[in-house]
Amino acid sequence: VCRLEDGKRLVSVLSVNRMFDSPEVRNEIAEYREDE
């Protein structure tokens, strides 16, 4: 979490790996991606 403007503004920093950490989600994406 970033504390900006003396703590009045909080920005949550996400991780791409954590967003798509689930094997089920990765398999879903792989089904609709062209082979490269």
All heavy atoms as atom14 arrays in JSON, in Angstrom:
{
  "sequence": "VCRLEDGKRLVSVLSVNRMFDSPEVRNEIAEYREDE",
  "atom14_mask": [
    [1, 1, 1, 1, 1, 1, 1, 0, 0, 0, 0, 0, 0, 0],
    [1, 1, 1, 1, 1, 1, 0, 0, 0, 0, 0, 0, 0, 0],
    [1, 1, 1, 1, 1, 1, 1, 1, 1, 1, 1, 0, 0, 0],
    [1, 1, 1, 1, 1, 1, 1, 1, 0, 0, 0, 0, 0, 0],
    [1, 1, 1, 1, 1, 1, 1, 1, 1, 0, 0, 0, 0, 0],
    [1, 1, 1, 1, 1, 1, 1, 1, 0, 0, 0, 0, 0, 0],
    [1, 1, 1, 1, 0, 0, 0, 0, 0, 0, 0, 0, 0, 0],
    [1, 1, 1, 1, 1, 1, 1, 1, 1, 0, 0, 0, 0, 0],
    [1, 1, 1, 1, 1, 1, 1, 1, 1, 1, 1, 0, 0, 0],
    [1, 1, 1, 1, 1, 1, 1, 1, 0, 0, 0, 0, 0, 0],
    [1, 1, 1, 1, 1, 1, 1, 0, 0, 0, 0, 0, 0, 0],
    [1, 1, 1, 1, 1, 1, 0, 0, 0, 0, 0, 0, 0, 0],
    [1, 1, 1, 1, 1, 1, 1, 0, 0, 0, 0, 0, 0, 0],
    [1, 1, 1, 1, 1, 1, 1, 1, 0, 0, 0, 0, 0, 0],
    [1, 1, 1, 1, 1, 1, 0, 0, 0, 0, 0, 0, 0, 0],
    [1, 1, 1, 1, 1, 1, 1, 0, 0, 0, 0, 0, 0, 0],
    [1, 1, 1, 1, 1, 1, 1, 1, 0, 0, 0, 0, 0, 0],
    [1, 1, 1, 1, 1, 1, 1, 1, 1, 1, 1, 0, 0, 0],
    [1, 1, 1, 1, 1, 1, 1, 1, 0, 0, 0, 0, 0, 0],
    [1, 1, 1, 1, 1, 1, 1, 1, 1, 1, 1, 0, 0, 0],
    [1, 1, 1, 1, 1, 1, 1, 1, 0, 0, 0, 0, 0, 0],
    [1, 1, 1, 1, 1, 1, 0, 0, 0, 0, 0, 0, 0, 0],
    [1, 1, 1, 1, 1, 1, 1, 0, 0, 0, 0, 0, 0, 0],
    [1, 1, 1, 1, 1, 1, 1, 1, 1, 0, 0, 0, 0, 0],
    [1, 1, 1, 1, 1, 1, 1, 0, 0, 0, 0, 0, 0, 0],
    [1, 1, 1, 1, 1, 1, 1, 1, 1, 1, 1, 0, 0, 0],
    [1, 1, 1, 1, 1, 1, 1, 1, 0, 0, 0, 0, 0, 0],
    [1, 1, 1, 1, 1, 1, 1, 1, 1, 0, 0, 0, 0, 0],
    [1, 1, 1, 1, 1, 1, 1, 1, 0, 0, 0, 0, 0, 0],
    [1, 1, 1, 1, 1, 0, 0, 0, 0, 0, 0, 0, 0, 0],
    [1, 1, 1, 1, 1, 1, 1, 1, 1, 0, 0, 0, 0, 0],
    [1, 1, 1, 1, 1, 1, 1, 1, 1, 1, 1, 1, 0, 0],
    [1, 1, 1, 1, 1, 1, 1, 1, 1, 1, 1, 0, 0, 0],
    [1, 1, 1, 1, 1, 1, 1, 1, 1, 0, 0, 0, 0, 0],
    [1, 1, 1, 1, 1, 1, 1, 1, 0, 0, 0, 0, 0, 0],
    [1, 1, 1, 1, 1, 1, 1, 1, 1, 0, 0, 0, 0, 0]
  ],
  "atom14_positions": [
    [[0.84, -1.19, 0.0], [0.0, 0.0, 0.0], [0.88, 1.24, 0.0], [1.85, 1.32, 0.76], [-0.95, 0.02, 1.23], [-1.77, 1.31, 1.24], [-1.85, -1.2, 1.23], [0.0, 0.0, 0.0], [0.0, 0.0, 0.0], [0.0, 0.0, 0.0], [0.0, 0.0, 0.0], [0.0, 0.0, 0.0], [0.0, 0.0, 0.0], [0.0, 0.0, 0.0]],
    [[0.55, 2.22, -0.87], [1.26, 3.49, -0.91], [0.47, 4.53, -0.12], [-0.74, 4.67, -0.3], [1.42, 3.99, -2.34], [2.4, 2.92, -3.39], [0.0, 0.0, 0.0], [0.0, 0.0, 0.0], [0.0, 0.0, 0.0], [0.0, 0.0, 0.0], [0.0, 0.0, 0.0], [0.0, 0.0, 0.0], [0.0, 0.0, 0.0], [0.0, 0.0, 0.0]],
    [[1.17, 5.27, 0.75], [0.53, 6.34, 1.52], [0.93, 7.67, 0.89], [2.06, 8.14, 1.07], [0.98, 6.28, 2.98], [0.75, 4.93, 3.65], [1.15, 4.97, 5.13], [2.5, 5.51, 5.31], [3.62, 4.8, 5.16], [3.54, 3.52, 4.82], [4.8, 5.34, 5.36], [0.0, 0.0, 0.0], [0.0, 0.0, 0.0], [0.0, 0.0, 0.0]],
    [[0.0, 8.27, 0.18], [0.26, 9.53, -0.51], [-0.53, 10.66, 0.13], [-1.53, 10.43, 0.83], [-0.12, 9.41, -1.99], [0.52, 8.25, -2.77], [0.04, 8.24, -4.21], [2.04, 8.32, -2.71], [0.0, 0.0, 0.0], [0.0, 0.0, 0.0], [0.0, 0.0, 0.0], [0.0, 0.0, 0.0], [0.0, 0.0, 0.0], [0.0, 0.0, 0.0]],
    [[-0.07, 11.9, -0.13], [-0.74, 13.1, 0.38], [-0.94, 13.01, 1.89], [-2.04, 13.22, 2.41], [-2.06, 13.33, -0.35], [-1.89, 13.52, -1.85], [-3.22, 13.63, -2.59], [-4.27, 13.73, -1.92], [-3.2, 13.62, -3.83], [0.0, 0.0, 0.0], [0.0, 0.0, 0.0], [0.0, 0.0, 0.0], [0.0, 0.0, 0.0], [0.0, 0.0, 0.0]],
    [[0.17, 12.72, 2.59], [0.16, 12.62, 4.06], [-0.85, 11.6, 4.57], [-1.48, 11.79, 5.62], [-0.12, 13.98, 4.69], [0.98, 14.99, 4.4], [2.14, 14.57, 4.31], [0.67, 16.19, 4.24], [0.0, 0.0, 0.0], [0.0, 0.0, 0.0], [0.0, 0.0, 0.0], [0.0, 0.0, 0.0], [0.0, 0.0, 0.0], [0.0, 0.0, 0.0]],
    [[-1.0, 10.51, 3.82], [-1.88, 9.44, 4.26], [-3.33, 9.63, 3.88], [-4.15, 8.72, 4.12], [0.0, 0.0, 0.0], [0.0, 0.0, 0.0], [0.0, 0.0, 0.0], [0.0, 0.0, 0.0], [0.0, 0.0, 0.0], [0.0, 0.0, 0.0], [0.0, 0.0, 0.0], [0.0, 0.0, 0.0], [0.0, 0.0, 0.0], [0.0, 0.0, 0.0]],
    [[-3.68, 10.75, 3.25], [-5.07, 10.97, 2.85], [-5.44, 10.15, 1.63], [-6.63, 9.96, 1.35], [-5.3, 12.46, 2.56], [-5.06, 13.36, 3.77], [-5.22, 14.82, 3.38], [-4.92, 15.73, 4.57], [-5.02, 17.17, 4.18], [0.0, 0.0, 0.0], [0.0, 0.0, 0.0], [0.0, 0.0, 0.0], [0.0, 0.0, 0.0], [0.0, 0.0, 0.0]],
    [[-4.45, 9.7, 0.9], [-4.69, 8.93, -0.33], [-3.93, 7.63, -0.26], [-2.69, 7.62, -0.19], [-4.25, 9.76, -1.54], [-4.38, 9.05, -2.88], [-3.81, 9.95, -3.95], [-3.79, 9.32, -5.26], [-3.1, 9.8, -6.31], [-2.4, 10.92, -6.18], [-3.12, 9.17, -7.46], [0.0, 0.0, 0.0], [0.0, 0.0, 0.0], [0.0, 0.0, 0.0]],
    [[-4.64, 6.53, -0.25], [-4.02, 5.21, -0.18], [-4.22, 4.5, -1.51], [-5.33, 4.43, -2.03], [-4.65, 4.38, 0.94], [-4.51, 4.94, 2.37], [-5.2, 4.02, 3.36], [-3.05, 5.16, 2.74], [0.0, 0.0, 0.0], [0.0, 0.0, 0.0], [0.0, 0.0, 0.0], [0.0, 0.0, 0.0], [0.0, 0.0, 0.0], [0.0, 0.0, 0.0]],
    [[-3.13, 3.98, -2.05], [-3.17, 3.26, -3.33], [-2.69, 1.84, -3.08], [-1.57, 1.62, -2.62], [-2.27, 3.95, -4.38], [-2.32, 3.17, -5.7], [-2.7, 5.39, -4.59], [0.0, 0.0, 0.0], [0.0, 0.0, 0.0], [0.0, 0.0, 0.0], [0.0, 0.0, 0.0], [0.0, 0.0, 0.0], [0.0, 0.0, 0.0], [0.0, 0.0, 0.0]],
    [[-3.54, 0.87, -3.4], [-3.19, -0.53, -3.22], [-2.41, -1.02, -4.44], [-2.89, -0.93, -5.57], [-4.46, -1.38, -3.05], [-5.18, -0.96, -1.91], [0.0, 0.0, 0.0], [0.0, 0.0, 0.0], [0.0, 0.0, 0.0], [0.0, 0.0, 0.0], [0.0, 0.0, 0.0], [0.0, 0.0, 0.0], [0.0, 0.0, 0.0], [0.0, 0.0, 0.0]],
    [[-1.2, -1.53, -4.2], [-0.34, -2.01, -5.28], [-0.6, -3.5, -5.47], [-0.46, -4.3, -4.54], [1.15, -1.77, -4.96], [2.02, -2.25, -6.13], [1.39, -0.29, -4.7], [0.0, 0.0, 0.0], [0.0, 0.0, 0.0], [0.0, 0.0, 0.0], [0.0, 0.0, 0.0], [0.0, 0.0, 0.0], [0.0, 0.0, 0.0], [0.0, 0.0, 0.0]],
    [[-1.0, -3.86, -6.7], [-1.32, -5.25, -7.01], [-0.12, -5.96, -7.59], [0.8, -5.35, -8.13], [-2.48, -5.3, -8.0], [-3.77, -4.57, -7.59], [-4.79, -4.66, -8.71], [-4.31, -5.12, -6.29], [0.0, 0.0, 0.0], [0.0, 0.0, 0.0], [0.0, 0.0, 0.0], [0.0, 0.0, 0.0], [0.0, 0.0, 0.0], [0.0, 0.0, 0.0]],
    [[-0.16, -7.27, -7.52], [0.85, -8.12, -8.13], [0.2, -8.91, -9.26], [-0.83, -9.57, -9.04], [1.44, -9.08, -7.09], [2.17, -10.12, -7.72], [0.0, 0.0, 0.0], [0.0, 0.0, 0.0], [0.0, 0.0, 0.0], [0.0, 0.0, 0.0], [0.0, 0.0, 0.0], [0.0, 0.0, 0.0], [0.0, 0.0, 0.0], [0.0, 0.0, 0.0]],
    [[0.77, -8.82, -10.44], [0.22, -9.57, -11.58], [0.24, -11.06, -11.3], [-0.74, -11.77, -11.58], [1.02, -9.24, -12.86], [0.6, -10.17, -14.01], [0.8, -7.8, -13.27], [0.0, 0.0, 0.0], [0.0, 0.0, 0.0], [0.0, 0.0, 0.0], [0.0, 0.0, 0.0], [0.0, 0.0, 0.0], [0.0, 0.0, 0.0], [0.0, 0.0, 0.0]],
    [[1.33, -11.53, -10.73], [1.42, -12.97, -10.46], [0.32, -13.43, -9.49], [-0.26, -14.5, -9.65], [2.79, -13.31, -9.88], [3.88, -13.2, -10.92], [3.63, -13.36, -12.12], [5.1, -12.9, -10.49], [0.0, 0.0, 0.0], [0.0, 0.0, 0.0], [0.0, 0.0, 0.0], [0.0, 0.0, 0.0], [0.0, 0.0, 0.0], [0.0, 0.0, 0.0]],
    [[0.03, -12.59, -8.48], [-1.01, -12.96, -7.53], [-2.4, -12.86, -8.15], [-3.3, -13.63, -7.8], [-0.92, -12.09, -6.29], [0.36, -12.29, -5.49], [0.35, -11.47, -4.23], [1.61, -11.58, -3.5], [1.86, -10.99, -2.33], [0.92, -10.24, -1.78], [3.02, -11.15, -1.74], [0.0, 0.0, 0.0], [0.0, 0.0, 0.0], [0.0, 0.0, 0.0]],
    [[-2.58, -11.91, -9.07], [-3.88, -11.76, -9.73], [-4.23, -13.0, -10.53], [-5.4, -13.4, -10.62], [-3.86, -10.54, -10.65], [-3.92, -9.21, -9.93], [-3.5, -7.83, -11.03], [-4.65, -8.07, -12.36], [0.0, 0.0, 0.0], [0.0, 0.0, 0.0], [0.0, 0.0, 0.0], [0.0, 0.0, 0.0], [0.0, 0.0, 0.0], [0.0, 0.0, 0.0]],
    [[-3.19, -13.62, -11.12], [-3.43, -14.79, -11.97], [-2.73, -16.03, -11.41], [-2.24, -16.87, -12.14], [-2.94, -14.5, -13.39], [-3.6, -13.3, -14.01], [-2.92, -12.1, -14.12], [-4.9, -13.38, -14.47], [-3.53, -10.99, -14.68], [-5.52, -12.27, -15.04], [-4.83, -11.07, -15.14], [0.0, 0.0, 0.0], [0.0, 0.0, 0.0], [0.0, 0.0, 0.0]],
    [[-2.71, -16.11, -10.08], [-2.0, -17.21, -9.43], [-2.75, -18.53, -9.53], [-2.16, -19.6, -9.52], [-1.74, -16.85, -7.96], [-0.83, -17.85, -7.28], [0.26, -18.09, -7.84], [-1.19, -18.37, -6.22], [0.0, 0.0, 0.0], [0.0, 0.0, 0.0], [0.0, 0.0, 0.0], [0.0, 0.0, 0.0], [0.0, 0.0, 0.0], [0.0, 0.0, 0.0]],
    [[-4.04, -18.44, -9.68], [-4.85, -19.66, -9.68], [-4.6, -20.46, -10.97], [-4.67, -19.9, -12.06], [-6.33, -19.3, -9.58], [-7.14, -20.4, -9.92], [0.0, 0.0, 0.0], [0.0, 0.0, 0.0], [0.0, 0.0, 0.0], [0.0, 0.0, 0.0], [0.0, 0.0, 0.0], [0.0, 0.0, 0.0], [0.0, 0.0, 0.0], [0.0, 0.0, 0.0]],
    [[-4.32, -21.76, -10.88], [-4.16, -22.59, -12.09], [-5.4, -22.57, -12.96], [-5.3, -22.61, -14.18], [-3.89, -23.99, -11.52], [-3.37, -23.76, -10.14], [-4.07, -22.55, -9.64], [0.0, 0.0, 0.0], [0.0, 0.0, 0.0], [0.0, 0.0, 0.0], [0.0, 0.0, 0.0], [0.0, 0.0, 0.0], [0.0, 0.0, 0.0], [0.0, 0.0, 0.0]],
    [[-6.58, -22.49, -12.32], [-7.81, -22.46, -13.1], [-7.87, -21.23, -13.99], [-8.24, -21.29, -15.16], [-9.04, -22.5, -12.18], [-9.21, -23.8, -11.42], [-8.3, -23.88, -10.19], [-7.62, -22.87, -9.89], [-8.24, -24.95, -9.56], [0.0, 0.0, 0.0], [0.0, 0.0, 0.0], [0.0, 0.0, 0.0], [0.0, 0.0, 0.0], [0.0, 0.0, 0.0]],
    [[-7.48, -20.07, -13.41], [-7.52, -18.82, -14.18], [-6.5, -18.88, -15.31], [-6.79, -18.48, -16.45], [-7.25, -17.62, -13.26], [-7.14, -16.33, -14.07], [-8.36, -17.49, -12.22], [0.0, 0.0, 0.0], [0.0, 0.0, 0.0], [0.0, 0.0, 0.0], [0.0, 0.0, 0.0], [0.0, 0.0, 0.0], [0.0, 0.0, 0.0], [0.0, 0.0, 0.0]],
    [[-5.3, -19.38, -15.04], [-4.28, -19.46, -16.08], [-4.73, -20.39, -17.21], [-4.46, -20.11, -18.38], [-2.95, -19.95, -15.49], [-2.29, -18.92, -14.59], [-0.96, -19.43, -14.04], [-0.32, -18.42, -13.23], [0.54, -17.51, -13.7], [0.83, -17.51, -14.99], [1.09, -16.62, -12.91], [0.0, 0.0, 0.0], [0.0, 0.0, 0.0], [0.0, 0.0, 0.0]],
    [[-5.4, -21.46, -16.87], [-5.89, -22.39, -17.9], [-6.97, -21.71, -18.74], [-7.04, -21.91, -19.96], [-6.43, -23.67, -17.26], [-5.32, -24.52, -16.67], [-4.16, -24.42, -17.09], [-5.67, -25.35, -15.69], [0.0, 0.0, 0.0], [0.0, 0.0, 0.0], [0.0, 0.0, 0.0], [0.0, 0.0, 0.0], [0.0, 0.0, 0.0], [0.0, 0.0, 0.0]],
    [[-7.84, -20.91, -18.09], [-8.87, -20.19, -18.83], [-8.24, -19.26, -19.86], [-8.66, -19.21, -21.02], [-9.74, -19.37, -17.87], [-10.64, -20.21, -16.97], [-11.37, -19.34, -15.97], [-11.29, -18.09, -16.1], [-12.02, -19.87, -15.07], [0.0, 0.0, 0.0], [0.0, 0.0, 0.0], [0.0, 0.0, 0.0], [0.0, 0.0, 0.0], [0.0, 0.0, 0.0]],
    [[-7.22, -18.53, -19.43], [-6.57, -17.57, -20.33], [-5.86, -18.3, -21.46], [-5.92, -17.89, -22.62], [-5.58, -16.7, -19.53], [-6.35, -15.83, -18.53], [-4.73, -15.84, -20.46], [-5.45, -15.1, -17.56], [0.0, 0.0, 0.0], [0.0, 0.0, 0.0], [0.0, 0.0, 0.0], [0.0, 0.0, 0.0], [0.0, 0.0, 0.0], [0.0, 0.0, 0.0]],
    [[-5.2, -19.41, -21.12], [-4.44, -20.15, -22.13], [-5.34, -20.66, -23.25], [-4.93, -20.76, -24.4], [-3.69, -21.3, -21.48], [0.0, 0.0, 0.0], [0.0, 0.0, 0.0], [0.0, 0.0, 0.0], [0.0, 0.0, 0.0], [0.0, 0.0, 0.0], [0.0, 0.0, 0.0], [0.0, 0.0, 0.0], [0.0, 0.0, 0.0], [0.0, 0.0, 0.0]],
    [[-6.6, -20.96, -22.93], [-7.52, -21.49, -23.94], [-7.84, -20.46, -25.02], [-8.17, -20.81, -26.15], [-8.83, -21.94, -23.27], [-8.66, -23.17, -22.39], [-9.97, -23.56, -21.74], [-11.01, -22.98, -22.13], [-9.96, -24.41, -20.84], [0.0, 0.0, 0.0], [0.0, 0.0, 0.0], [0.0, 0.0, 0.0], [0.0, 0.0, 0.0], [0.0, 0.0, 0.0]],
    [[-7.74, -19.17, -24.68], [-8.14, -18.13, -25.62], [-6.95, -17.32, -26.11], [-7.1, -16.25, -26.67], [-9.16, -17.2, -24.95], [-10.27, -17.97, -24.33], [-10.39, -18.06, -22.95], [-11.18, -18.67, -25.12], [-11.4, -18.8, -22.37], [-12.19, -19.42, -24.55], [-12.29, -19.48, -23.18], [-13.28, -20.23, -22.61], [0.0, 0.0, 0.0], [0.0, 0.0, 0.0]],
    [[-5.75, -17.83, -25.91], [-4.55, -17.15, -26.38], [-3.97, -17.93, -27.55], [-3.91, -19.15, -27.53], [-3.51, -17.06, -25.25], [-2.22, -16.39, -25.67], [-1.29, -16.24, -24.46], [-1.0, -17.52, -23.84], [-0.09, -18.37, -24.28], [0.63, -18.07, -25.34], [0.12, -19.5, -23.66], [0.0, 0.0, 0.0], [0.0, 0.0, 0.0], [0.0, 0.0, 0.0]],
    [[-3.54, -17.19, -28.58], [-2.9, -17.84, -29.72], [-1.58, -18.45, -29.28], [-0.86, -17.9, -28.44], [-2.63, -16.81, -30.83], [-3.85, -16.34, -31.54], [-3.48, -15.41, -32.67], [-2.56, -14.61, -32.5], [-4.11, -15.51, -33.73], [0.0, 0.0, 0.0], [0.0, 0.0, 0.0], [0.0, 0.0, 0.0], [0.0, 0.0, 0.0], [0.0, 0.0, 0.0]],
    [[-1.25, -19.6, -29.84], [0.03, -20.22, -29.52], [1.15, -19.38, -30.06], [1.18, -19.03, -31.23], [0.11, -21.63, -30.12], [-0.87, -22.58, -29.44], [-1.17, -22.35, -28.26], [-1.31, -23.55, -30.12], [0.0, 0.0, 0.0], [0.0, 0.0, 0.0], [0.0, 0.0, 0.0], [0.0, 0.0, 0.0], [0.0, 0.0, 0.0], [0.0, 0.0, 0.0]],
    [[2.11, -19.02, -29.18], [3.25, -18.21, -29.58], [4.52, -18.83, -29.02], [5.22, -18.24, -28.21], [3.1, -16.78, -29.05], [1.84, -16.08, -29.54], [1.66, -14.74, -28.87], [1.19, -14.72, -27.73], [2.02, -13.71, -29.48], [0.0, 0.0, 0.0], [0.0, 0.0, 0.0], [0.0, 0.0, 0.0], [0.0, 0.0, 0.0], [0.0, 0.0, 0.0]]
  ]
}
